[in-house]
Amino acid sequence: MQVVRSIFFEPLLPWAALWSLAAVSLVLIVIAIRGGLSGWWLRGIALSLLLMAVANPSTQIEERETLSDIVLLVVDESASQGIDIRPGQIA
């Protein structure tokens, strides 16, 4: 038994809008830092959490059975395989 964990993002807004909001947030944080505003890091954390919430992450846990790696190979060597262009088709 194999357990596989995955994280999927299904944003509430289109990805382009989400990236645009991230860029605007980054610009606002840079302005706050350059302006000497106190608490810029709190604003950064708040904007990051808001963007994460809009990205709508979800986890998926799957239990998978491992399959056998034995393969059955069948080779057709009947007389019909020697007709006309057949050898070129099966090569």
PDB file of N, CA and C in Angstrom:
ATOM      1  N   MET A   1       0.847  -1.173   0.000  1.00  0.00           N
ATOM      2  CA  MET A   1       0.000   0.000   0.000  1.00  0.00           C
ATOM      3  C   MET A   1       0.894   1.237   0.000  1.00  0.00           C
ATOM      4  N   GLN A   2       0.594   2.158  -0.888  1.00  0.00           N
ATOM      5  CA  GLN A   2       1.370   3.386  -1.013  1.00  0.00           C
ATOM      6  C   GLN A   2       0.433   4.571  -0.776  1.00  0.00           C
ATOM      7  N   VAL A   3       0.852   5.510   0.055  1.00  0.00           N
ATOM      8  CA  VAL A   3       0.055   6.700   0.339  1.00  0.00           C
ATOM      9  C   VAL A   3       0.686   7.879  -0.392  1.00  0.00           C
ATOM     10  N   VAL A   4      -0.125   8.570  -1.196  1.00  0.00           N
ATOM     11  CA  VAL A   4       0.343   9.714  -1.977  1.00  0.00           C
ATOM     12  C   VAL A   4      -0.415  10.954  -1.501  1.00  0.00           C
ATOM     13  N   ARG A   5       0.325  11.999  -1.154  1.00  0.00           N
ATOM     14  CA  ARG A   5      -0.277  13.261  -0.730  1.00  0.00           C
ATOM     15  C   ARG A   5       0.018  14.322  -1.788  1.00  0.00           C
ATOM     16  N   SER A   6      -1.010  15.074  -2.154  1.00  0.00           N
ATOM     17  CA  SER A   6      -0.864  16.111  -3.173  1.00  0.00           C
ATOM     18  C   SER A   6      -1.557  17.386  -2.711  1.00  0.00           C
ATOM     19  N   ILE A   7      -1.057  18.516  -3.184  1.00  0.00           N
ATOM     20  CA  ILE A   7      -1.696  19.806  -2.924  1.00  0.00           C
ATOM     21  C   ILE A   7      -2.149  20.370  -4.264  1.00  0.00           C
ATOM     22  N   PHE A   8      -3.418  20.729  -4.340  1.00  0.00           N
ATOM     23  CA  PHE A   8      -3.992  21.300  -5.552  1.00  0.00           C
ATOM     24  C   PHE A   8      -4.456  22.714  -5.264  1.00  0.00           C
ATOM     25  N   PHE A   9      -4.350  23.580  -6.266  1.00  0.00           N
ATOM     26  CA  PHE A   9      -4.838  24.945  -6.152  1.00  0.00           C
ATOM     27  C   PHE A   9      -5.959  25.135  -7.160  1.00  0.00           C
ATOM     28  N   GLU A  10      -7.111  25.556  -6.673  1.00  0.00           N
ATOM     29  CA  GLU A  10      -8.237  25.902  -7.534  1.00  0.00           C
ATOM     30  C   GLU A  10      -8.674  27.309  -7.129  1.00  0.00           C
ATOM     31  N   PRO A  11      -8.012  28.322  -7.705  1.00  0.00           N
ATOM     32  CA  PRO A  11      -8.247  29.695  -7.250  1.00  0.00           C
ATOM     33  C   PRO A  11      -9.676  30.167  -7.507  1.00  0.00           C
ATOM     34  N   LEU A  12     -10.127  31.058  -6.629  1.00  0.00           N
ATOM     35  CA  LEU A  12     -11.459  31.638  -6.766  1.00  0.00           C
ATOM     36  C   LEU A  12     -11.489  32.694  -7.865  1.00  0.00           C
ATOM     37  N   LEU A  13     -10.328  33.203  -8.226  1.00  0.00           N
ATOM     38  CA  LEU A  13     -10.168  34.154  -9.326  1.00  0.00           C
ATOM     39  C   LEU A  13      -9.259  33.514 -10.372  1.00  0.00           C
ATOM     40  N   PRO A  14      -9.271  34.014 -11.608  1.00  0.00           N
ATOM     41  CA  PRO A  14      -8.331  33.483 -12.609  1.00  0.00           C
ATOM     42  C   PRO A  14      -6.881  33.710 -12.165  1.00  0.00           C
ATOM     43  N   TRP A  15      -5.976  32.841 -12.666  1.00  0.00           N
ATOM     44  CA  TRP A  15      -4.565  32.943 -12.270  1.00  0.00           C
ATOM     45  C   TRP A  15      -3.982  34.309 -12.607  1.00  0.00           C
ATOM     46  N   ALA A  16      -4.383  34.888 -13.742  1.00  0.00           N
ATOM     47  CA  ALA A  16      -3.847  36.201 -14.126  1.00  0.00           C
ATOM     48  C   ALA A  16      -4.228  37.259 -13.090  1.00  0.00           C
ATOM     49  N   ALA A  17      -5.459  37.204 -12.607  1.00  0.00           N
ATOM     50  CA  ALA A  17      -5.900  38.161 -11.587  1.00  0.00           C
ATOM     51  C   ALA A  17      -5.148  37.929 -10.278  1.00  0.00           C
ATOM     52  N   LEU A  18      -4.911  36.678  -9.954  1.00  0.00           N
ATOM     53  CA  LEU A  18      -4.192  36.360  -8.719  1.00  0.00           C
ATOM     54  C   LEU A  18      -2.753  36.877  -8.775  1.00  0.00           C
ATOM     55  N   TRP A  19      -2.084  36.682  -9.913  1.00  0.00           N
ATOM     56  CA  TRP A  19      -0.712  37.186 -10.063  1.00  0.00           C
ATOM     57  C   TRP A  19      -0.695  38.715 -10.064  1.00  0.00           C
ATOM     58  N   SER A  20      -1.718  39.327 -10.644  1.00  0.00           N
ATOM     59  CA  SER A  20      -1.799  40.795 -10.629  1.00  0.00           C
ATOM     60  C   SER A  20      -1.955  41.312  -9.205  1.00  0.00           C
ATOM     61  N   LEU A  21      -2.802  40.659  -8.420  1.00  0.00           N
ATOM     62  CA  LEU A  21      -2.963  41.050  -7.019  1.00  0.00           C
ATOM     63  C   LEU A  21      -1.670  40.867  -6.235  1.00  0.00           C
ATOM     64  N   ALA A  22      -0.931  39.812  -6.543  1.00  0.00           N
ATOM     65  CA  ALA A  22       0.350  39.585  -5.870  1.00  0.00           C
ATOM     66  C   ALA A  22       1.339  40.701  -6.213  1.00  0.00           C
ATOM     67  N   ALA A  23       1.355  41.123  -7.477  1.00  0.00           N
ATOM     68  CA  ALA A  23       2.263  42.198  -7.886  1.00  0.00           C
ATOM     69  C   ALA A  23       1.886  43.515  -7.208  1.00  0.00           C
ATOM     70  N   VAL A  24       0.594  43.815  -7.157  1.00  0.00           N
ATOM     71  CA  VAL A  24       0.140  45.044  -6.497  1.00  0.00           C
ATOM     72  C   VAL A  24       0.481  44.996  -5.008  1.00  0.00           C
ATOM     73  N   SER A  25       0.304  43.846  -4.389  1.00  0.00           N
ATOM     74  CA  SER A  25       0.639  43.687  -2.967  1.00  0.00           C
ATOM     75  C   SER A  25       2.120  43.937  -2.728  1.00  0.00           C
ATOM     76  N   LEU A  26       2.948  43.394  -3.609  1.00  0.00           N
ATOM     77  CA  LEU A  26       4.391  43.587  -3.472  1.00  0.00           C
ATOM     78  C   LEU A  26       4.764  45.063  -3.603  1.00  0.00           C
ATOM     79  N   VAL A  27       4.150  45.745  -4.560  1.00  0.00           N
ATOM     80  CA  VAL A  27       4.421  47.177  -4.735  1.00  0.00           C
ATOM     81  C   VAL A  27       3.996  47.954  -3.488  1.00  0.00           C
ATOM     82  N   LEU A  28       2.838  47.613  -2.926  1.00  0.00           N
ATOM     83  CA  LEU A  28       2.374  48.301  -1.716  1.00  0.00           C
ATOM     84  C   LEU A  28       3.312  48.071  -0.536  1.00  0.00           C
ATOM     85  N   ILE A  29       3.831  46.872  -0.410  1.00  0.00           N
ATOM     86  CA  ILE A  29       4.761  46.584   0.684  1.00  0.00           C
ATOM     87  C   ILE A  29       6.066  47.356   0.494  1.00  0.00           C
ATOM     88  N   VAL A  30       6.561  47.423  -0.737  1.00  0.00           N
ATOM     89  CA  VAL A  30       7.793  48.181  -1.008  1.00  0.00           C
ATOM     90  C   VAL A  30       7.578  49.660  -0.696  1.00  0.00           C
ATOM     91  N   ILE A  31       6.419  50.194  -1.058  1.00  0.00           N
ATOM     92  CA  ILE A  31       6.114  51.597  -0.751  1.00  0.00           C
ATOM     93  C   ILE A  31       6.074  51.809   0.762  1.00  0.00           C
ATOM     94  N   ALA A  32       5.490  50.857   1.489  1.00  0.00           N
ATOM     95  CA  ALA A  32       5.417  50.971   2.951  1.00  0.00           C
ATOM     96  C   ALA A  32       6.808  50.932   3.574  1.00  0.00           C
ATOM     97  N   ILE A  33       7.684  50.082   3.045  1.00  0.00           N
ATOM     98  CA  ILE A  33       9.054  49.998   3.574  1.00  0.00           C
ATOM     99  C   ILE A  33       9.805  51.295   3.299  1.00  0.00           C
ATOM    100  N   ARG A  34       9.721  51.785   2.054  1.00  0.00           N
ATOM    101  CA  ARG A  34      10.439  53.015   1.694  1.00  0.00           C
ATOM    102  C   ARG A  34       9.878  54.238   2.410  1.00  0.00           C
ATOM    103  N   GLY A  35       8.586  54.202   2.708  1.00  0.00           N
ATOM    104  CA  GLY A  35       7.959  55.328   3.409  1.00  0.00           C
ATOM    105  C   GLY A  35       8.210  55.312   4.901  1.00  0.00           C
ATOM    106  N   GLY A  36       8.828  54.249   5.385  1.00  0.00           N
ATOM    107  CA  GLY A  36       9.156  54.168   6.798  1.00  0.00           C
ATOM    108  C   GLY A  36       7.959  53.847   7.682  1.00  0.00           C
ATOM    109  N   LEU A  37       6.930  53.255   7.112  1.00  0.00           N
ATOM    110  CA  LEU A  37       5.748  52.912   7.902  1.00  0.00           C
ATOM    111  C   LEU A  37       6.053  51.732   8.814  1.00  0.00           C
ATOM    112  N   SER A  38       5.618  51.857  10.054  1.00  0.00           N
ATOM    113  CA  SER A  38       5.819  50.735  10.969  1.00  0.00           C
ATOM    114  C   SER A  38       4.732  49.688  10.704  1.00  0.00           C
ATOM    115  N   GLY A  39       5.062  48.455  10.953  1.00  0.00           N
ATOM    116  CA  GLY A  39       4.101  47.372  10.759  1.00  0.00           C
ATOM    117  C   GLY A  39       3.975  46.913   9.318  1.00  0.00           C
ATOM    118  N   TRP A  40       4.960  47.253   8.486  1.00  0.00           N
ATOM    119  CA  TRP A  40       4.884  46.824   7.087  1.00  0.00           C
ATOM    120  C   TRP A  40       4.908  45.308   6.984  1.00  0.00           C
ATOM    121  N   TRP A  41       5.603  44.652   7.908  1.00  0.00           N
ATOM    122  CA  TRP A  41       5.690  43.195   7.866  1.00  0.00           C
ATOM    123  C   TRP A  41       4.345  42.565   8.219  1.00  0.00           C
ATOM    124  N   LEU A  42       3.556  43.226   9.093  1.00  0.00           N
ATOM    125  CA  LEU A  42       2.212  42.722   9.386  1.00  0.00           C
ATOM    126  C   LEU A  42       1.309  42.843   8.159  1.00  0.00           C
ATOM    127  N   ARG A  43       1.443  43.951   7.451  1.00  0.00           N
ATOM    128  CA  ARG A  43       0.676  44.123   6.213  1.00  0.00           C
ATOM    129  C   ARG A  43       1.081  43.074   5.179  1.00  0.00           C
ATOM    130  N   GLY A  44       2.374  42.799   5.118  1.00  0.00           N
ATOM    131  CA  GLY A  44       2.855  41.778   4.182  1.00  0.00           C
ATOM    132  C   GLY A  44       2.304  40.400   4.505  1.00  0.00           C
ATOM    133  N   ILE A  45       2.298  40.061   5.787  1.00  0.00           N
ATOM    134  CA  ILE A  45       1.750  38.761   6.198  1.00  0.00           C
ATOM    135  C   ILE A  45       0.258  38.701   5.891  1.00  0.00           C
ATOM    136  N   ALA A  46      -0.463  39.788   6.177  1.00  0.00           N
ATOM    137  CA  ALA A  46      -1.904  39.814   5.924  1.00  0.00           C
ATOM    138  C   ALA A  46      -2.211  39.661   4.435  1.00  0.00           C
ATOM    139  N   LEU A  47      -1.465  40.376   3.597  1.00  0.00           N
ATOM    140  CA  LEU A  47      -1.686  40.259   2.153  1.00  0.00           C
ATOM    141  C   LEU A  47      -1.323  38.870   1.644  1.00  0.00           C
ATOM    142  N   SER A  48      -0.271  38.283   2.182  1.00  0.00           N
ATOM    143  CA  SER A  48       0.114  36.925   1.780  1.00  0.00           C
ATOM    144  C   SER A  48      -0.958  35.910   2.162  1.00  0.00           C
ATOM    145  N   LEU A  49      -1.485  36.037   3.371  1.00  0.00           N
ATOM    146  CA  LEU A  49      -2.548  35.125   3.806  1.00  0.00           C
ATOM    147  C   LEU A  49      -3.808  35.300   2.965  1.00  0.00           C
ATOM    148  N   LEU A  50      -4.113  36.537   2.608  1.00  0.00           N
ATOM    149  CA  LEU A  50      -5.271  36.791   1.757  1.00  0.00           C
ATOM    150  C   LEU A  50      -5.093  36.156   0.378  1.00  0.00           C
ATOM    151  N   LEU A  51      -3.900  36.300  -0.191  1.00  0.00           N
ATOM    152  CA  LEU A  51      -3.628  35.684  -1.496  1.00  0.00           C
ATOM    153  C   LEU A  51      -3.688  34.161  -1.415  1.00  0.00           C
ATOM    154  N   MET A  52      -3.178  33.601  -0.326  1.00  0.00           N
ATOM    155  CA  MET A  52      -3.252  32.142  -0.151  1.00  0.00           C
ATOM    156  C   MET A  52      -4.699  31.674  -0.041  1.00  0.00           C
ATOM    157  N   ALA A  53      -5.531  32.450   0.649  1.00  0.00           N
ATOM    158  CA  ALA A  53      -6.938  32.076   0.783  1.00  0.00           C
ATOM    159  C   ALA A  53      -7.650  32.121  -0.567  1.00  0.00           C
ATOM    160  N   VAL A  54      -7.330  33.119  -1.381  1.00  0.00           N
ATOM    161  CA  VAL A  54      -7.956  33.238  -2.701  1.00  0.00           C
ATOM    162  C   VAL A  54      -7.457  32.135  -3.634  1.00  0.00           C
ATOM    163  N   ALA A  55      -6.233  31.649  -3.415  1.00  0.00           N
ATOM    164  CA  ALA A  55      -5.695  30.557  -4.241  1.00  0.00           C
ATOM    165  C   ALA A  55      -6.420  29.245  -3.974  1.00  0.00           C
ATOM    166  N   ASN A  56      -7.103  29.134  -2.843  1.00  0.00           N
ATOM    167  CA  ASN A  56      -7.940  27.984  -2.502  1.00  0.00           C
ATOM    168  C   ASN A  56      -7.183  26.652  -2.560  1.00  0.00           C
ATOM    169  N   PRO A  57      -6.161  26.486  -1.731  1.00  0.00           N
ATOM    170  CA  PRO A  57      -5.429  25.211  -1.746  1.00  0.00           C
ATOM    171  C   PRO A  57      -6.247  24.096  -1.088  1.00  0.00           C
ATOM    172  N   SER A  58      -6.065  22.886  -1.582  1.00  0.00           N
ATOM    173  CA  SER A  58      -6.705  21.717  -0.968  1.00  0.00           C
ATOM    174  C   SER A  58      -5.740  20.543  -1.062  1.00  0.00           C
ATOM    175  N   THR A  59      -5.825  19.667  -0.082  1.00  0.00           N
ATOM    176  CA  THR A  59      -4.956  18.494  -0.083  1.00  0.00           C
ATOM    177  C   THR A  59      -5.759  17.267  -0.478  1.00  0.00           C
ATOM    178  N   GLN A  60      -5.074  16.336  -1.091  1.00  0.00           N
ATOM    179  CA  GLN A  60      -5.689  15.076  -1.493  1.00  0.00           C
ATOM    180  C   GLN A  60      -4.760  13.956  -1.052  1.00  0.00           C
ATOM    181  N   ILE A  61      -5.319  12.990  -0.360  1.00  0.00           N
ATOM    182  CA  ILE A  61      -4.551  11.838   0.100  1.00  0.00           C
ATOM    183  C   ILE A  61      -5.124  10.602  -0.581  1.00  0.00           C
ATOM    184  N   GLU A  62      -4.265   9.869  -1.283  1.00  0.00           N
ATOM    185  CA  GLU A  62      -4.689   8.670  -2.002  1.00  0.00           C
ATOM    186  C   GLU A  62      -3.928   7.466  -1.479  1.00  0.00           C
ATOM    187  N   GLU A  63      -4.631   6.365  -1.358  1.00  0.00           N
ATOM    188  CA  GLU A  63      -3.991   5.095  -1.035  1.00  0.00           C
ATOM    189  C   GLU A  63      -3.999   4.255  -2.305  1.00  0.00           C
ATOM    190  N   ARG A  64      -2.826   3.871  -2.750  1.00  0.00           N
ATOM    191  CA  ARG A  64      -2.704   3.135  -4.009  1.00  0.00           C
ATOM    192  C   ARG A  64      -2.100   1.766  -3.758  1.00  0.00           C
ATOM    193  N   GLU A  65      -2.636   0.801  -4.458  1.00  0.00           N
ATOM    194  CA  GLU A  65      -2.075  -0.546  -4.427  1.00  0.00           C
ATOM    195  C   GLU A  65      -0.962  -0.608  -5.466  1.00  0.00           C
ATOM    196  N   THR A  66       0.166  -1.148  -5.093  1.00  0.00           N
ATOM    197  CA  THR A  66       1.236  -1.312  -6.070  1.00  0.00           C
ATOM    198  C   THR A  66       0.892  -2.486  -6.977  1.00  0.00           C
ATOM    199  N   LEU A  67       1.168  -2.321  -8.251  1.00  0.00           N
ATOM    200  CA  LEU A  67       0.872  -3.348  -9.237  1.00  0.00           C
ATOM    201  C   LEU A  67       2.101  -4.193  -9.511  1.00  0.00           C
ATOM    202  N   SER A  68       1.858  -5.404  -9.923  1.00  0.00           N
ATOM    203  CA  SER A  68       2.948  -6.299 -10.278  1.00  0.00           C
ATOM    204  C   SER A  68       3.630  -5.784 -11.541  1.00  0.00           C
ATOM    205  N   ASP A  69       4.936  -5.967 -11.621  1.00  0.00           N
ATOM    206  CA  ASP A  69       5.658  -5.494 -12.797  1.00  0.00           C
ATOM    207  C   ASP A  69       5.939  -6.618 -13.788  1.00  0.00           C
ATOM    208  N   ILE A  70       5.173  -7.680 -13.726  1.00  0.00           N
ATOM    209  CA  ILE A  70       5.324  -8.798 -14.661  1.00  0.00           C
ATOM    210  C   ILE A  70       4.443  -8.533 -15.872  1.00  0.00           C
ATOM    211  N   VAL A  71       5.022  -8.690 -17.072  1.00  0.00           N
ATOM    212  CA  VAL A  71       4.304  -8.426 -18.311  1.00  0.00           C
ATOM    213  C   VAL A  71       4.245  -9.697 -19.136  1.00  0.00           C
ATOM    214  N   LEU A  72       3.096  -9.936 -19.740  1.00  0.00           N
ATOM    215  CA  LEU A  72       2.922 -11.077 -20.628  1.00  0.00           C
ATOM    216  C   LEU A  72       3.119 -10.583 -22.055  1.00  0.00           C
ATOM    217  N   LEU A  73       4.059 -11.172 -22.776  1.00  0.00           N
ATOM    218  CA  LEU A  73       4.357 -10.775 -24.141  1.00  0.00           C
ATOM    219  C   LEU A  73       3.891 -11.869 -25.079  1.00  0.00           C
ATOM    220  N   VAL A  74       3.056 -11.508 -26.053  1.00  0.00           N
ATOM    221  CA  VAL A  74       2.522 -12.469 -27.016  1.00  0.00           C
ATOM    222  C   VAL A  74       3.097 -12.131 -28.383  1.00  0.00           C
ATOM    223  N   VAL A  75       3.701 -13.114 -29.031  1.00  0.00           N
ATOM    224  CA  VAL A  75       4.273 -12.932 -30.358  1.00  0.00           C
ATOM    225  C   VAL A  75       3.509 -13.824 -31.327  1.00  0.00           C
ATOM    226  N   ASP A  76       2.975 -13.210 -32.390  1.00  0.00           N
ATOM    227  CA  ASP A  76       2.217 -13.951 -33.398  1.00  0.00           C
ATOM    228  C   ASP A  76       3.181 -14.406 -34.488  1.00  0.00           C
ATOM    229  N   GLU A  77       3.433 -15.703 -34.558  1.00  0.00           N
ATOM    230  CA  GLU A  77       4.312 -16.260 -35.581  1.00  0.00           C
ATOM    231  C   GLU A  77       3.537 -17.155 -36.536  1.00  0.00           C
ATOM    232  N   SER A  78       2.264 -16.855 -36.741  1.00  0.00           N
ATOM    233  CA  SER A  78       1.448 -17.676 -37.636  1.00  0.00           C
ATOM    234  C   SER A  78       1.789 -17.360 -39.091  1.00  0.00           C
ATOM    235  N   ALA A  79       1.266 -18.171 -39.999  1.00  0.00           N
ATOM    236  CA  ALA A  79       1.555 -18.029 -41.430  1.00  0.00           C
ATOM    237  C   ALA A  79       1.028 -16.714 -41.987  1.00  0.00           C
ATOM    238  N   SER A  80      -0.007 -16.165 -41.390  1.00  0.00           N
ATOM    239  CA  SER A  80      -0.583 -14.920 -41.903  1.00  0.00           C
ATOM    240  C   SER A  80       0.356 -13.731 -41.734  1.00  0.00           C
ATOM    241  N   GLN A  81       1.349 -13.839 -40.883  1.00  0.00           N
ATOM    242  CA  GLN A  81       2.289 -12.744 -40.675  1.00  0.00           C
ATOM    243  C   GLN A  81       3.300 -12.620 -41.815  1.00  0.00           C
ATOM    244  N   GLY A  82       3.374 -13.615 -42.688  1.00  0.00           N
ATOM    245  CA  GLY A  82       4.307 -13.575 -43.809  1.00  0.00           C
ATOM    246  C   GLY A  82       3.686 -13.077 -45.097  1.00  0.00           C
ATOM    247  N   ILE A  83       2.427 -12.675 -45.103  1.00  0.00           N
ATOM    248  CA  ILE A  83       1.713 -12.254 -46.308  1.00  0.00           C
ATOM    249  C   ILE A  83       2.061 -10.805 -46.652  1.00  0.00           C
ATOM    250  N   ASP A  84       2.471 -10.584 -47.907  1.00  0.00           N
ATOM    251  CA  ASP A  84       2.669  -9.275 -48.531  1.00  0.00           C
ATOM    252  C   ASP A  84       3.472  -8.299 -47.651  1.00  0.00           C
ATOM    253  N   ILE A  85       2.871  -7.224 -47.177  1.00  0.00           N
ATOM    254  CA  ILE A  85       3.604  -6.179 -46.444  1.00  0.00           C
ATOM    255  C   ILE A  85       3.529  -6.355 -44.931  1.00  0.00           C
ATOM    256  N   ARG A  86       3.004  -7.446 -44.475  1.00  0.00           N
ATOM    257  CA  ARG A  86       2.785  -7.652 -43.043  1.00  0.00           C
ATOM    258  C   ARG A  86       4.074  -7.609 -42.211  1.00  0.00           C
ATOM    259  N   PRO A  87       5.186  -8.175 -42.673  1.00  0.00           N
ATOM    260  CA  PRO A  87       6.404  -8.104 -41.843  1.00  0.00           C
ATOM    261  C   PRO A  87       6.848  -6.663 -41.548  1.00  0.00           C
ATOM    262  N   GLY A  88       6.628  -5.759 -42.482  1.00  0.00           N
ATOM    263  CA  GLY A  88       6.976  -4.354 -42.261  1.00  0.00           C
ATOM    264  C   GLY A  88       6.049  -3.680 -41.269  1.00  0.00           C
ATOM    265  N   GLN A  89       4.805  -4.131 -41.190  1.00  0.00           N
ATOM    266  CA  GLN A  89       3.836  -3.532 -40.282  1.00  0.00           C
ATOM    267  C   GLN A  89       4.073  -3.942 -38.833  1.00  0.00           C
ATOM    268  N   ILE A  90       4.600  -5.128 -38.617  1.00  0.00           N
ATOM    269  CA  ILE A  90       4.766  -5.609 -37.248  1.00  0.00           C
ATOM    270  C   ILE A  90       6.157  -5.344 -36.687  1.00  0.00           C
ATOM    271  N   ALA A  91       7.057  -4.845 -37.510  1.00  0.00           N
ATOM    272  CA  ALA A  91       8.432  -4.616 -37.051  1.00  0.00           C
ATOM    273  C   ALA A  91       8.533  -3.409 -36.163  1.00  0.00           C
TER     274      ALA A  91
END
